[in-house]
């Protein structure tokens, strides 16, 4: 983040090197990965992953090859495809997770 350029450089320079920010970022990535792999809280994982990828896209501005679309935006679209295919997941804990009473009460936890 110390090498960030562009319109959001000041924000990312202020966060660079802060151990709390580093830990939160890595825990966020771990949570997104575990949620997607196991099929637990997929909607929350897709949303959190999209926010993290959007922040990474903002840190990489200005983009050299294409001014709008880069791999971060493509990965956000891929996350939403995975999230929309939640009902067709066969080898995950999604069915067990969605039967929990707490999860039934809160739709965003599906």
PDB file of N, CA and C in Angstrom:
ATOM      1  N   UNK A   1       0.809  -1.193   0.000  1.00  0.00           N
ATOM      2  CA  UNK A   1       0.000   0.000   0.000  1.00  0.00           C
ATOM      3  C   UNK A   1       0.853   1.259   0.000  1.00  0.00           C
ATOM      4  N   UNK A   2       2.127   1.105   0.353  1.00  0.00           N
ATOM      5  CA  UNK A   2       3.008   2.280   0.342  1.00  0.00           C
ATOM      6  C   UNK A   2       3.269   2.762  -1.073  1.00  0.00           C
ATOM      7  N   UNK A   3       3.136   1.863  -2.061  1.00  0.00           N
ATOM      8  CA  UNK A   3       3.376   2.230  -3.447  1.00  0.00           C
ATOM      9  C   UNK A   3       2.120   2.643  -4.182  1.00  0.00           C
ATOM     10  N   UNK A   4       1.011   2.833  -3.460  1.00  0.00           N
ATOM     11  CA  UNK A   4      -0.252   3.205  -4.103  1.00  0.00           C
ATOM     12  C   UNK A   4      -0.144   4.594  -4.721  1.00  0.00           C
ATOM     13  N   UNK A   5      -0.751   4.719  -5.885  1.00  0.00           N
ATOM     14  CA  UNK A   5      -0.794   6.002  -6.593  1.00  0.00           C
ATOM     15  C   UNK A   5      -2.253   6.311  -6.893  1.00  0.00           C
ATOM     16  N   UNK A   6      -2.509   7.465  -7.392  1.00  0.00           N
ATOM     17  CA  UNK A   6      -3.847   7.789  -7.837  1.00  0.00           C
ATOM     18  C   UNK A   6      -4.667   8.532  -6.798  1.00  0.00           C
ATOM     19  N   UNK A   7      -5.985   8.588  -7.016  1.00  0.00           N
ATOM     20  CA  UNK A   7      -6.842   9.439  -6.197  1.00  0.00           C
ATOM     21  C   UNK A   7      -6.993   8.984  -4.745  1.00  0.00           C
ATOM     22  N   UNK A   8      -6.748   7.716  -4.444  1.00  0.00           N
ATOM     23  CA  UNK A   8      -6.929   7.215  -3.088  1.00  0.00           C
ATOM     24  C   UNK A   8      -5.604   6.931  -2.398  1.00  0.00           C
ATOM     25  N   UNK A   9      -4.524   7.438  -2.934  1.00  0.00           N
ATOM     26  CA  UNK A   9      -3.187   7.139  -2.416  1.00  0.00           C
ATOM     27  C   UNK A   9      -3.029   7.572  -0.963  1.00  0.00           C
ATOM     28  N   UNK A  10      -3.544   8.726  -0.596  1.00  0.00           N
ATOM     29  CA  UNK A  10      -3.393   9.214   0.781  1.00  0.00           C
ATOM     30  C   UNK A  10      -4.048   8.278   1.789  1.00  0.00           C
ATOM     31  N   UNK A  11      -5.200   7.745   1.438  1.00  0.00           N
ATOM     32  CA  UNK A  11      -5.908   6.822   2.334  1.00  0.00           C
ATOM     33  C   UNK A  11      -5.085   5.560   2.540  1.00  0.00           C
ATOM     34  N   UNK A  12      -4.574   4.993   1.468  1.00  0.00           N
ATOM     35  CA  UNK A  12      -3.822   3.752   1.577  1.00  0.00           C
ATOM     36  C   UNK A  12      -2.443   3.964   2.191  1.00  0.00           C
ATOM     37  N   UNK A  13      -1.838   5.122   1.980  1.00  0.00           N
ATOM     38  CA  UNK A  13      -0.565   5.417   2.624  1.00  0.00           C
ATOM     39  C   UNK A  13      -0.751   5.532   4.132  1.00  0.00           C
ATOM     40  N   UNK A  14      -1.876   6.075   4.575  1.00  0.00           N
ATOM     41  CA  UNK A  14      -2.140   6.193   6.012  1.00  0.00           C
ATOM     42  C   UNK A  14      -2.326   4.823   6.661  1.00  0.00           C
ATOM     43  N   UNK A  15      -2.876   3.861   5.914  1.00  0.00           N
ATOM     44  CA  UNK A  15      -3.095   2.522   6.460  1.00  0.00           C
ATOM     45  C   UNK A  15      -1.859   1.638   6.358  1.00  0.00           C
ATOM     46  N   UNK A  16      -0.924   1.977   5.505  1.00  0.00           N
ATOM     47  CA  UNK A  16       0.248   1.126   5.247  1.00  0.00           C
ATOM     48  C   UNK A  16       1.102   0.969   6.496  1.00  0.00           C
ATOM     49  N   UNK A  17       1.478  -0.271   6.767  1.00  0.00           N
ATOM     50  CA  UNK A  17       2.358  -0.541   7.885  1.00  0.00           C
ATOM     51  C   UNK A  17       1.678  -0.676   9.232  1.00  0.00           C
ATOM     52  N   UNK A  18       0.379  -0.447   9.293  1.00  0.00           N
ATOM     53  CA  UNK A  18      -0.356  -0.590  10.548  1.00  0.00           C
ATOM     54  C   UNK A  18      -0.637  -2.071  10.791  1.00  0.00           C
ATOM     55  N   UNK A  19      -0.135  -2.649  11.880  1.00  0.00           N
ATOM     56  CA  UNK A  19      -0.341  -4.081  12.120  1.00  0.00           C
ATOM     57  C   UNK A  19      -1.821  -4.461  12.249  1.00  0.00           C
ATOM     58  N   UNK A  20      -2.640  -3.585  12.800  1.00  0.00           N
ATOM     59  CA  UNK A  20      -4.069  -3.886  12.933  1.00  0.00           C
ATOM     60  C   UNK A  20      -4.723  -4.019  11.563  1.00  0.00           C
ATOM     61  N   UNK A  21      -4.381  -3.133  10.651  1.00  0.00           N
ATOM     62  CA  UNK A  21      -4.929  -3.194   9.294  1.00  0.00           C
ATOM     63  C   UNK A  21      -4.462  -4.468   8.600  1.00  0.00           C
ATOM     64  N   UNK A  22      -3.199  -4.821   8.786  1.00  0.00           N
ATOM     65  CA  UNK A  22      -2.673  -6.051   8.182  1.00  0.00           C
ATOM     66  C   UNK A  22      -3.410  -7.278   8.701  1.00  0.00           C
ATOM     67  N   UNK A  23      -3.598  -7.353  10.009  1.00  0.00           N
ATOM     68  CA  UNK A  23      -4.300  -8.488  10.597  1.00  0.00           C
ATOM     69  C   UNK A  23      -5.754  -8.553  10.149  1.00  0.00           C
ATOM     70  N   UNK A  24      -6.442  -7.417  10.139  1.00  0.00           N
ATOM     71  CA  UNK A  24      -7.845  -7.405   9.704  1.00  0.00           C
ATOM     72  C   UNK A  24      -7.983  -7.825   8.252  1.00  0.00           C
ATOM     73  N   UNK A  25      -7.057  -7.377   7.419  1.00  0.00           N
ATOM     74  CA  UNK A  25      -7.089  -7.752   6.006  1.00  0.00           C
ATOM     75  C   UNK A  25      -6.892  -9.255   5.841  1.00  0.00           C
ATOM     76  N   UNK A  26      -5.898  -9.801   6.523  1.00  0.00           N
ATOM     77  CA  UNK A  26      -5.621 -11.233   6.393  1.00  0.00           C
ATOM     78  C   UNK A  26      -6.745 -12.078   6.998  1.00  0.00           C
ATOM     79  N   UNK A  27      -7.314 -11.646   8.120  1.00  0.00           N
ATOM     80  CA  UNK A  27      -8.451 -12.372   8.699  1.00  0.00           C
ATOM     81  C   UNK A  27      -9.678 -12.287   7.794  1.00  0.00           C
ATOM     82  N   UNK A  28      -9.851 -11.143   7.146  1.00  0.00           N
ATOM     83  CA  UNK A  28     -10.943 -11.010   6.192  1.00  0.00           C
ATOM     84  C   UNK A  28     -10.785 -11.959   5.016  1.00  0.00           C
ATOM     85  N   UNK A  29      -9.573 -12.053   4.487  1.00  0.00           N
ATOM     86  CA  UNK A  29      -9.310 -12.990   3.399  1.00  0.00           C
ATOM     87  C   UNK A  29      -9.533 -14.432   3.845  1.00  0.00           C
ATOM     88  N   UNK A  30      -9.095 -14.756   5.060  1.00  0.00           N
ATOM     89  CA  UNK A  30      -9.304 -16.103   5.593  1.00  0.00           C
ATOM     90  C   UNK A  30     -10.792 -16.404   5.738  1.00  0.00           C
ATOM     91  N   UNK A  31     -11.542 -15.461   6.270  1.00  0.00           N
ATOM     92  CA  UNK A  31     -12.987 -15.655   6.434  1.00  0.00           C
ATOM     93  C   UNK A  31     -13.700 -15.841   5.110  1.00  0.00           C
ATOM     94  N   UNK A  32     -13.336 -15.054   4.125  1.00  0.00           N
ATOM     95  CA  UNK A  32     -13.948 -15.179   2.800  1.00  0.00           C
ATOM     96  C   UNK A  32     -13.617 -16.540   2.196  1.00  0.00           C
ATOM     97  N   UNK A  33     -12.369 -16.931   2.281  1.00  0.00           N
ATOM     98  CA  UNK A  33     -11.953 -18.212   1.717  1.00  0.00           C
ATOM     99  C   UNK A  33     -12.621 -19.394   2.390  1.00  0.00           C
ATOM    100  N   UNK A  34     -12.658 -19.400   3.711  1.00  0.00           N
ATOM    101  CA  UNK A  34     -13.285 -20.507   4.440  1.00  0.00           C
ATOM    102  C   UNK A  34     -14.783 -20.552   4.163  1.00  0.00           C
ATOM    103  N   UNK A  35     -15.421 -19.394   4.154  1.00  0.00           N
ATOM    104  CA  UNK A  35     -16.855 -19.345   3.870  1.00  0.00           C
ATOM    105  C   UNK A  35     -17.193 -19.877   2.493  1.00  0.00           C
ATOM    106  N   UNK A  36     -16.400 -19.513   1.501  1.00  0.00           N
ATOM    107  CA  UNK A  36     -16.661 -19.983   0.141  1.00  0.00           C
ATOM    108  C   UNK A  36     -16.326 -21.459  -0.030  1.00  0.00           C
ATOM    109  N   UNK A  37     -15.253 -21.913   0.575  1.00  0.00           N
ATOM    110  CA  UNK A  37     -14.867 -23.316   0.441  1.00  0.00           C
ATOM    111  C   UNK A  37     -15.851 -24.254   1.124  1.00  0.00           C
ATOM    112  N   UNK A  38     -16.336 -23.864   2.290  1.00  0.00           N
ATOM    113  CA  UNK A  38     -17.226 -24.741   3.042  1.00  0.00           C
ATOM    114  C   UNK A  38     -18.702 -24.511   2.726  1.00  0.00           C
ATOM    115  N   UNK A  39     -19.028 -23.409   2.085  1.00  0.00           N
ATOM    116  CA  UNK A  39     -20.422 -23.117   1.786  1.00  0.00           C
ATOM    117  C   UNK A  39     -21.164 -22.534   2.977  1.00  0.00           C
ATOM    118  N   UNK A  40     -20.442 -21.918   3.877  1.00  0.00           N
ATOM    119  CA  UNK A  40     -21.022 -21.329   5.081  1.00  0.00           C
ATOM    120  C   UNK A  40     -21.029 -19.810   4.927  1.00  0.00           C
ATOM    121  N   UNK A  41     -22.192 -19.206   5.138  1.00  0.00           N
ATOM    122  CA  UNK A  41     -22.341 -17.748   5.026  1.00  0.00           C
ATOM    123  C   UNK A  41     -21.802 -17.251   3.688  1.00  0.00           C
ATOM    124  N   UNK A  42     -22.246 -17.872   2.614  1.00  0.00           N
ATOM    125  CA  UNK A  42     -21.727 -17.554   1.281  1.00  0.00           C
ATOM    126  C   UNK A  42     -22.091 -16.124   0.885  1.00  0.00           C
ATOM    127  N   UNK A  43     -23.290 -15.687   1.181  1.00  0.00           N
ATOM    128  CA  UNK A  43     -23.668 -14.310   0.813  1.00  0.00           C
ATOM    129  C   UNK A  43     -22.781 -13.290   1.520  1.00  0.00           C
ATOM    130  N   UNK A  44     -22.525 -13.526   2.789  1.00  0.00           N
ATOM    131  CA  UNK A  44     -21.641 -12.639   3.541  1.00  0.00           C
ATOM    132  C   UNK A  44     -20.220 -12.709   2.997  1.00  0.00           C
ATOM    133  N   UNK A  45     -19.765 -13.899   2.642  1.00  0.00           N
ATOM    134  CA  UNK A  45     -18.418 -14.065   2.086  1.00  0.00           C
ATOM    135  C   UNK A  45     -18.283 -13.369   0.738  1.00  0.00           C
ATOM    136  N   UNK A  46     -19.294 -13.486  -0.101  1.00  0.00           N
ATOM    137  CA  UNK A  46     -19.260 -12.831  -1.418  1.00  0.00           C
ATOM    138  C   UNK A  46     -19.234 -11.314  -1.253  1.00  0.00           C
ATOM    139  N   UNK A  47     -20.031 -10.801  -0.340  1.00  0.00           N
ATOM    140  CA  UNK A  47     -20.067  -9.358  -0.119  1.00  0.00           C
ATOM    141  C   UNK A  47     -18.738  -8.857   0.448  1.00  0.00           C
ATOM    142  N   UNK A  48     -18.223  -9.542   1.454  1.00  0.00           N
ATOM    143  CA  UNK A  48     -16.942  -9.133   2.050  1.00  0.00           C
ATOM    144  C   UNK A  48     -15.805  -9.267   1.045  1.00  0.00           C
ATOM    145  N   UNK A  49     -15.803 -10.344   0.272  1.00  0.00           N
ATOM    146  CA  UNK A  49     -14.776 -10.518  -0.746  1.00  0.00           C
ATOM    147  C   UNK A  49     -14.845  -9.438  -1.815  1.00  0.00           C
ATOM    148  N   UNK A  50     -16.053  -9.040  -2.175  1.00  0.00           N
ATOM    149  CA  UNK A  50     -16.213  -7.971  -3.167  1.00  0.00           C
ATOM    150  C   UNK A  50     -15.683  -6.644  -2.635  1.00  0.00           C
ATOM    151  N   UNK A  51     -15.934  -6.371  -1.374  1.00  0.00           N
ATOM    152  CA  UNK A  51     -15.427  -5.131  -0.771  1.00  0.00           C
ATOM    153  C   UNK A  51     -13.903  -5.148  -0.731  1.00  0.00           C
ATOM    154  N   UNK A  52     -13.316  -6.278  -0.322  1.00  0.00           N
ATOM    155  CA  UNK A  52     -11.853  -6.375  -0.291  1.00  0.00           C
ATOM    156  C   UNK A  52     -11.256  -6.212  -1.681  1.00  0.00           C
ATOM    157  N   UNK A  53     -11.858  -6.850  -2.668  1.00  0.00           N
ATOM    158  CA  UNK A  53     -11.350  -6.714  -4.038  1.00  0.00           C
ATOM    159  C   UNK A  53     -11.520  -5.297  -4.571  1.00  0.00           C
ATOM    160  N   UNK A  54     -12.606  -4.648  -4.213  1.00  0.00           N
ATOM    161  CA  UNK A  54     -12.807  -3.256  -4.636  1.00  0.00           C
ATOM    162  C   UNK A  54     -11.745  -2.349  -4.014  1.00  0.00           C
ATOM    163  N   UNK A  55     -11.413  -2.595  -2.749  1.00  0.00           N
ATOM    164  CA  UNK A  55     -10.354  -1.812  -2.111  1.00  0.00           C
ATOM    165  C   UNK A  55      -9.001  -2.063  -2.779  1.00  0.00           C
ATOM    166  N   UNK A  56      -8.740  -3.318  -3.161  1.00  0.00           N
ATOM    167  CA  UNK A  56      -7.489  -3.616  -3.873  1.00  0.00           C
ATOM    168  C   UNK A  56      -7.463  -2.938  -5.239  1.00  0.00           C
ATOM    169  N   UNK A  57      -8.626  -2.882  -5.907  1.00  0.00           N
ATOM    170  CA  UNK A  57      -8.711  -2.192  -7.193  1.00  0.00           C
ATOM    171  C   UNK A  57      -8.429  -0.703  -7.011  1.00  0.00           C
ATOM    172  N   UNK A  58      -9.002  -0.123  -5.944  1.00  0.00           N
ATOM    173  CA  UNK A  58      -8.787   1.299  -5.681  1.00  0.00           C
ATOM    174  C   UNK A  58      -7.319   1.599  -5.381  1.00  0.00           C
ATOM    175  N   UNK A  59      -6.633   0.654  -4.716  1.00  0.00           N
ATOM    176  CA  UNK A  59      -5.219   0.855  -4.402  1.00  0.00           C
ATOM    177  C   UNK A  59      -4.340   0.753  -5.642  1.00  0.00           C
ATOM    178  N   UNK A  60      -4.821   0.053  -6.677  1.00  0.00           N
ATOM    179  CA  UNK A  60      -4.007  -0.117  -7.883  1.00  0.00           C
ATOM    180  C   UNK A  60      -4.267   0.945  -8.946  1.00  0.00           C
ATOM    181  N   UNK A  61      -5.113   1.910  -8.653  1.00  0.00           N
ATOM    182  CA  UNK A  61      -5.375   2.988  -9.615  1.00  0.00           C
ATOM    183  C   UNK A  61      -4.156   3.878  -9.734  1.00  0.00           C
ATOM    184  N   UNK A  62      -3.847   4.479 -10.823  1.00  0.00           N
ATOM    185  CA  UNK A  62      -4.415   4.307 -12.150  1.00  0.00           C
ATOM    186  C   UNK A  62      -3.911   3.015 -12.787  1.00  0.00           C
ATOM    187  N   UNK A  63      -4.801   2.322 -13.441  1.00  0.00           N
ATOM    188  CA  UNK A  63      -4.480   1.051 -14.075  1.00  0.00           C
ATOM    189  C   UNK A  63      -3.803   1.330 -15.412  1.00  0.00           C
ATOM    190  N   UNK A  64      -2.734   0.620 -15.659  1.00  0.00           N
ATOM    191  CA  UNK A  64      -1.921   0.886 -16.858  1.00  0.00           C
ATOM    192  C   UNK A  64      -2.552   0.329 -18.134  1.00  0.00           C
ATOM    193  N   UNK A  65      -3.151  -0.876 -18.061  1.00  0.00           N
ATOM    194  CA  UNK A  65      -3.602  -1.533 -19.286  1.00  0.00           C
ATOM    195  C   UNK A  65      -5.021  -1.145 -19.682  1.00  0.00           C
ATOM    196  N   UNK A  66      -5.932  -1.123 -18.752  1.00  0.00           N
ATOM    197  CA  UNK A  66      -7.323  -0.783 -19.041  1.00  0.00           C
ATOM    198  C   UNK A  66      -7.794   0.158 -17.937  1.00  0.00           C
ATOM    199  N   UNK A  67      -8.359   1.295 -18.272  1.00  0.00           N
ATOM    200  CA  UNK A  67      -8.687   2.279 -17.240  1.00  0.00           C
ATOM    201  C   UNK A  67      -9.816   1.864 -16.296  1.00  0.00           C
ATOM    202  N   UNK A  68     -10.600   0.848 -16.633  1.00  0.00           N
ATOM    203  CA  UNK A  68     -11.740   0.477 -15.792  1.00  0.00           C
ATOM    204  C   UNK A  68     -11.650  -0.963 -15.315  1.00  0.00           C
ATOM    205  N   UNK A  69     -11.518  -1.880 -16.229  1.00  0.00           N
ATOM    206  CA  UNK A  69     -11.590  -3.306 -15.905  1.00  0.00           C
ATOM    207  C   UNK A  69     -10.188  -3.880 -15.729  1.00  0.00           C
ATOM    208  N   UNK A  70      -9.976  -4.563 -14.620  1.00  0.00           N
ATOM    209  CA  UNK A  70      -8.771  -5.358 -14.435  1.00  0.00           C
ATOM    210  C   UNK A  70      -9.172  -6.638 -13.723  1.00  0.00           C
ATOM    211  N   UNK A  71      -8.197  -7.406 -13.272  1.00  0.00           N
ATOM    212  CA  UNK A  71      -8.505  -8.709 -12.694  1.00  0.00           C
ATOM    213  C   UNK A  71      -9.355  -8.611 -11.427  1.00  0.00           C
ATOM    214  N   UNK A  72      -9.246  -7.533 -10.665  1.00  0.00           N
ATOM    215  CA  UNK A  72     -10.056  -7.391  -9.459  1.00  0.00           C
ATOM    216  C   UNK A  72     -11.549  -7.323  -9.786  1.00  0.00           C
ATOM    217  N   UNK A  73     -11.895  -6.594 -10.831  1.00  0.00           N
ATOM    218  CA  UNK A  73     -13.308  -6.477 -11.229  1.00  0.00           C
ATOM    219  C   UNK A  73     -13.811  -7.815 -11.769  1.00  0.00           C
ATOM    220  N   UNK A  74     -12.979  -8.520 -12.505  1.00  0.00           N
ATOM    221  CA  UNK A  74     -13.358  -9.842 -13.016  1.00  0.00           C
ATOM    222  C   UNK A  74     -13.582 -10.808 -11.859  1.00  0.00           C
ATOM    223  N   UNK A  75     -12.732 -10.744 -10.833  1.00  0.00           N
ATOM    224  CA  UNK A  75     -12.895 -11.612  -9.667  1.00  0.00           C
ATOM    225  C   UNK A  75     -14.161 -11.273  -8.881  1.00  0.00           C
ATOM    226  N   UNK A  76     -14.525 -10.008  -8.830  1.00  0.00           N
ATOM    227  CA  UNK A  76     -15.785  -9.634  -8.176  1.00  0.00           C
ATOM    228  C   UNK A  76     -16.957 -10.277  -8.913  1.00  0.00           C
ATOM    229  N   UNK A  77     -16.944 -10.221 -10.234  1.00  0.00           N
ATOM    230  CA  UNK A  77     -18.003 -10.867 -11.015  1.00  0.00           C
ATOM    231  C   UNK A  77     -18.020 -12.375 -10.777  1.00  0.00           C
ATOM    232  N   UNK A  78     -16.834 -12.977 -10.693  1.00  0.00           N
ATOM    233  CA  UNK A  78     -16.759 -14.422 -10.433  1.00  0.00           C
ATOM    234  C   UNK A  78     -17.300 -14.760  -9.049  1.00  0.00           C
ATOM    235  N   UNK A  79     -17.033 -13.918  -8.063  1.00  0.00           N
ATOM    236  CA  UNK A  79     -17.592 -14.144  -6.728  1.00  0.00           C
ATOM    237  C   UNK A  79     -19.114 -14.133  -6.749  1.00  0.00           C
ATOM    238  N   UNK A  80     -19.690 -13.193  -7.483  1.00  0.00           N
ATOM    239  CA  UNK A  80     -21.154 -13.112  -7.549  1.00  0.00           C
ATOM    240  C   UNK A  80     -21.745 -14.298  -8.293  1.00  0.00           C
ATOM    241  N   UNK A  81     -21.041 -14.843  -9.258  1.00  0.00           N
ATOM    242  CA  UNK A  81     -21.502 -16.064  -9.930  1.00  0.00           C
ATOM    243  C   UNK A  81     -21.497 -17.226  -8.947  1.00  0.00           C
ATOM    244  N   UNK A  82     -20.427 -17.351  -8.167  1.00  0.00           N
ATOM    245  CA  UNK A  82     -20.369 -18.410  -7.155  1.00  0.00           C
ATOM    246  C   UNK A  82     -21.481 -18.229  -6.128  1.00  0.00           C
ATOM    247  N   UNK A  83     -21.711 -17.008  -5.708  1.00  0.00           N
ATOM    248  CA  UNK A  83     -22.773 -16.745  -4.737  1.00  0.00           C
ATOM    249  C   UNK A  83     -24.164 -17.030  -5.270  1.00  0.00           C
ATOM    250  N   UNK A  84     -24.373 -16.788  -6.548  1.00  0.00           N
ATOM    251  CA  UNK A  84     -25.694 -17.053  -7.124  1.00  0.00           C
ATOM    252  C   UNK A  84     -25.930 -18.539  -7.359  1.00  0.00           C
ATOM    253  N   UNK A  85     -24.865 -19.328  -7.373  1.00  0.00           N
ATOM    254  CA  UNK A  85     -24.986 -20.776  -7.584  1.00  0.00           C
ATOM    255  C   UNK A  85     -25.058 -21.529  -6.262  1.00  0.00           C
ATOM    256  N   UNK A  86     -25.412 -20.850  -5.193  1.00  0.00           N
ATOM    257  CA  UNK A  86     -25.443 -21.470  -3.874  1.00  0.00           C
ATOM    258  C   UNK A  86     -26.402 -22.652  -3.806  1.00  0.00           C
ATOM    259  N   UNK A  87     -27.520 -22.576  -4.467  1.00  0.00           N
ATOM    260  CA  UNK A  87     -28.512 -23.656  -4.415  1.00  0.00           C
ATOM    261  C   UNK A  87     -28.039 -24.924  -5.106  1.00  0.00           C
ATOM    262  N   UNK A  88     -27.057 -24.819  -5.984  1.00  0.00           N
ATOM    263  CA  UNK A  88     -26.586 -25.986  -6.727  1.00  0.00           C
ATOM    264  C   UNK A  88     -25.324 -26.599  -6.131  1.00  0.00           C
ATOM    265  N   UNK A  89     -24.867 -26.078  -5.014  1.00  0.00           N
ATOM    266  CA  UNK A  89     -23.655 -26.631  -4.404  1.00  0.00           C
ATOM    267  C   UNK A  89     -23.948 -28.011  -3.826  1.00  0.00           C
ATOM    268  N   UNK A  90     -23.202 -28.994  -4.251  1.00  0.00           N
ATOM    269  CA  UNK A  90     -23.424 -30.373  -3.809  1.00  0.00           C
ATOM    270  C   UNK A  90     -22.414 -30.819  -2.764  1.00  0.00           C
ATOM    271  N   UNK A  91     -21.169 -30.400  -2.900  1.00  0.00           N
ATOM    272  CA  UNK A  91     -20.107 -30.875  -2.015  1.00  0.00           C
ATOM    273  C   UNK A  91     -19.698 -29.792  -1.024  1.00  0.00           C
ATOM    274  N   UNK A  92     -20.651 -29.269  -0.311  1.00  0.00           N
ATOM    275  CA  UNK A  92     -20.342 -28.248   0.675  1.00  0.00           C
ATOM    276  C   UNK A  92     -21.234 -28.460   1.899  1.00  0.00           C
ATOM    277  N   UNK A  93     -21.022 -27.644   2.880  1.00  0.00           N
ATOM    278  CA  UNK A  93     -21.838 -27.694   4.094  1.00  0.00           C
ATOM    279  C   UNK A  93     -23.029 -26.749   4.001  1.00  0.00           C
ATOM    280  N   UNK A  94     -23.332 -26.264   2.793  1.00  0.00           N
ATOM    281  CA  UNK A  94     -24.396 -25.269   2.626  1.00  0.00           C
ATOM    282  C   UNK A  94     -25.749 -25.801   3.092  1.00  0.00           C
ATOM    283  N   UNK A  95     -26.080 -27.047   2.759  1.00  0.00           N
ATOM    284  CA  UNK A  95     -27.384 -27.593   3.154  1.00  0.00           C
ATOM    285  C   UNK A  95     -27.493 -27.701   4.672  1.00  0.00           C
ATOM    286  N   UNK A  96     -26.451 -28.163   5.316  1.00  0.00           N
ATOM    287  CA  UNK A  96     -26.459 -28.249   6.781  1.00  0.00           C
ATOM    288  C   UNK A  96     -26.508 -26.868   7.418  1.00  0.00           C
ATOM    289  N   UNK A  97     -25.751 -25.956   6.861  1.00  0.00           N
ATOM    290  CA  UNK A  97     -25.695 -24.591   7.386  1.00  0.00           C
ATOM    291  C   UNK A  97     -27.062 -23.917   7.300  1.00  0.00           C
ATOM    292  N   UNK A  98     -27.746 -24.076   6.175  1.00  0.00           N
ATOM    293  CA  UNK A  98     -29.023 -23.400   5.974  1.00  0.00           C
ATOM    294  C   UNK A  98     -30.149 -23.987   6.810  1.00  0.00           C
ATOM    295  N   UNK A  99     -29.956 -25.170   7.358  1.00  0.00           N
ATOM    296  CA  UNK A  99     -30.981 -25.767   8.223  1.00  0.00           C
ATOM    297  C   UNK A  99     -30.870 -25.318   9.671  1.00  0.00           C
ATOM    298  N   UNK A 100     -29.792 -24.645  10.035  1.00  0.00           N
ATOM    299  CA  UNK A 100     -29.640 -24.159  11.404  1.00  0.00           C
ATOM    300  C   UNK A 100     -30.702 -23.105  11.708  1.00  0.00           C
ATOM    301  N   UNK A 101     -31.309 -23.160  12.904  1.00  0.00           N
ATOM    302  CA  UNK A 101     -32.386 -22.201  13.230  1.00  0.00           C
ATOM    303  C   UNK A 101     -31.938 -20.745  13.161  1.00  0.00           C
ATOM    304  N   UNK A 102     -30.742 -20.451  13.631  1.00  0.00           N
ATOM    305  CA  UNK A 102     -30.256 -19.078  13.608  1.00  0.00           C
ATOM    306  C   UNK A 102     -30.093 -18.560  12.185  1.00  0.00           C
ATOM    307  N   UNK A 103     -29.626 -19.422  11.311  1.00  0.00           N
ATOM    308  CA  UNK A 103     -29.418 -19.035   9.915  1.00  0.00           C
ATOM    309  C   UNK A 103     -30.757 -18.835   9.217  1.00  0.00           C
ATOM    310  N   UNK A 104     -31.766 -19.634   9.573  1.00  0.00           N
ATOM    311  CA  UNK A 104     -33.098 -19.462   8.980  1.00  0.00           C
ATOM    312  C   UNK A 104     -33.695 -18.105   9.334  1.00  0.00           C
ATOM    313  N   UNK A 105     -33.392 -17.611  10.522  1.00  0.00           N
ATOM    314  CA  UNK A 105     -33.929 -16.317  10.949  1.00  0.00           C
ATOM    315  C   UNK A 105     -33.289 -15.144  10.217  1.00  0.00           C
ATOM    316  N   UNK A 106     -32.042 -15.293   9.828  1.00  0.00           N
ATOM    317  CA  UNK A 106     -31.300 -14.202   9.186  1.00  0.00           C
ATOM    318  C   UNK A 106     -30.896 -14.620   7.778  1.00  0.00           C
ATOM    319  N   UNK A 107     -31.626 -14.111   6.805  1.00  0.00           N
ATOM    320  CA  UNK A 107     -31.449 -14.509   5.415  1.00  0.00           C
ATOM    321  C   UNK A 107     -30.046 -14.197   4.886  1.00  0.00           C
ATOM    322  N   UNK A 108     -29.440 -13.138   5.381  1.00  0.00           N
ATOM    323  CA  UNK A 108     -28.129 -12.736   4.878  1.00  0.00           C
ATOM    324  C   UNK A 108     -27.034 -13.722   5.265  1.00  0.00           C
ATOM    325  N   UNK A 109     -27.313 -14.643   6.194  1.00  0.00           N
ATOM    326  CA  UNK A 109     -26.333 -15.651   6.586  1.00  0.00           C
ATOM    327  C   UNK A 109     -26.332 -16.873   5.679  1.00  0.00           C
ATOM    328  N   UNK A 110     -27.244 -16.951   4.723  1.00  0.00           N
ATOM    329  CA  UNK A 110     -27.299 -18.129   3.844  1.00  0.00           C
ATOM    330  C   UNK A 110     -26.036 -18.256   3.052  1.00  0.00           C
TER     331      UNK A 110
END
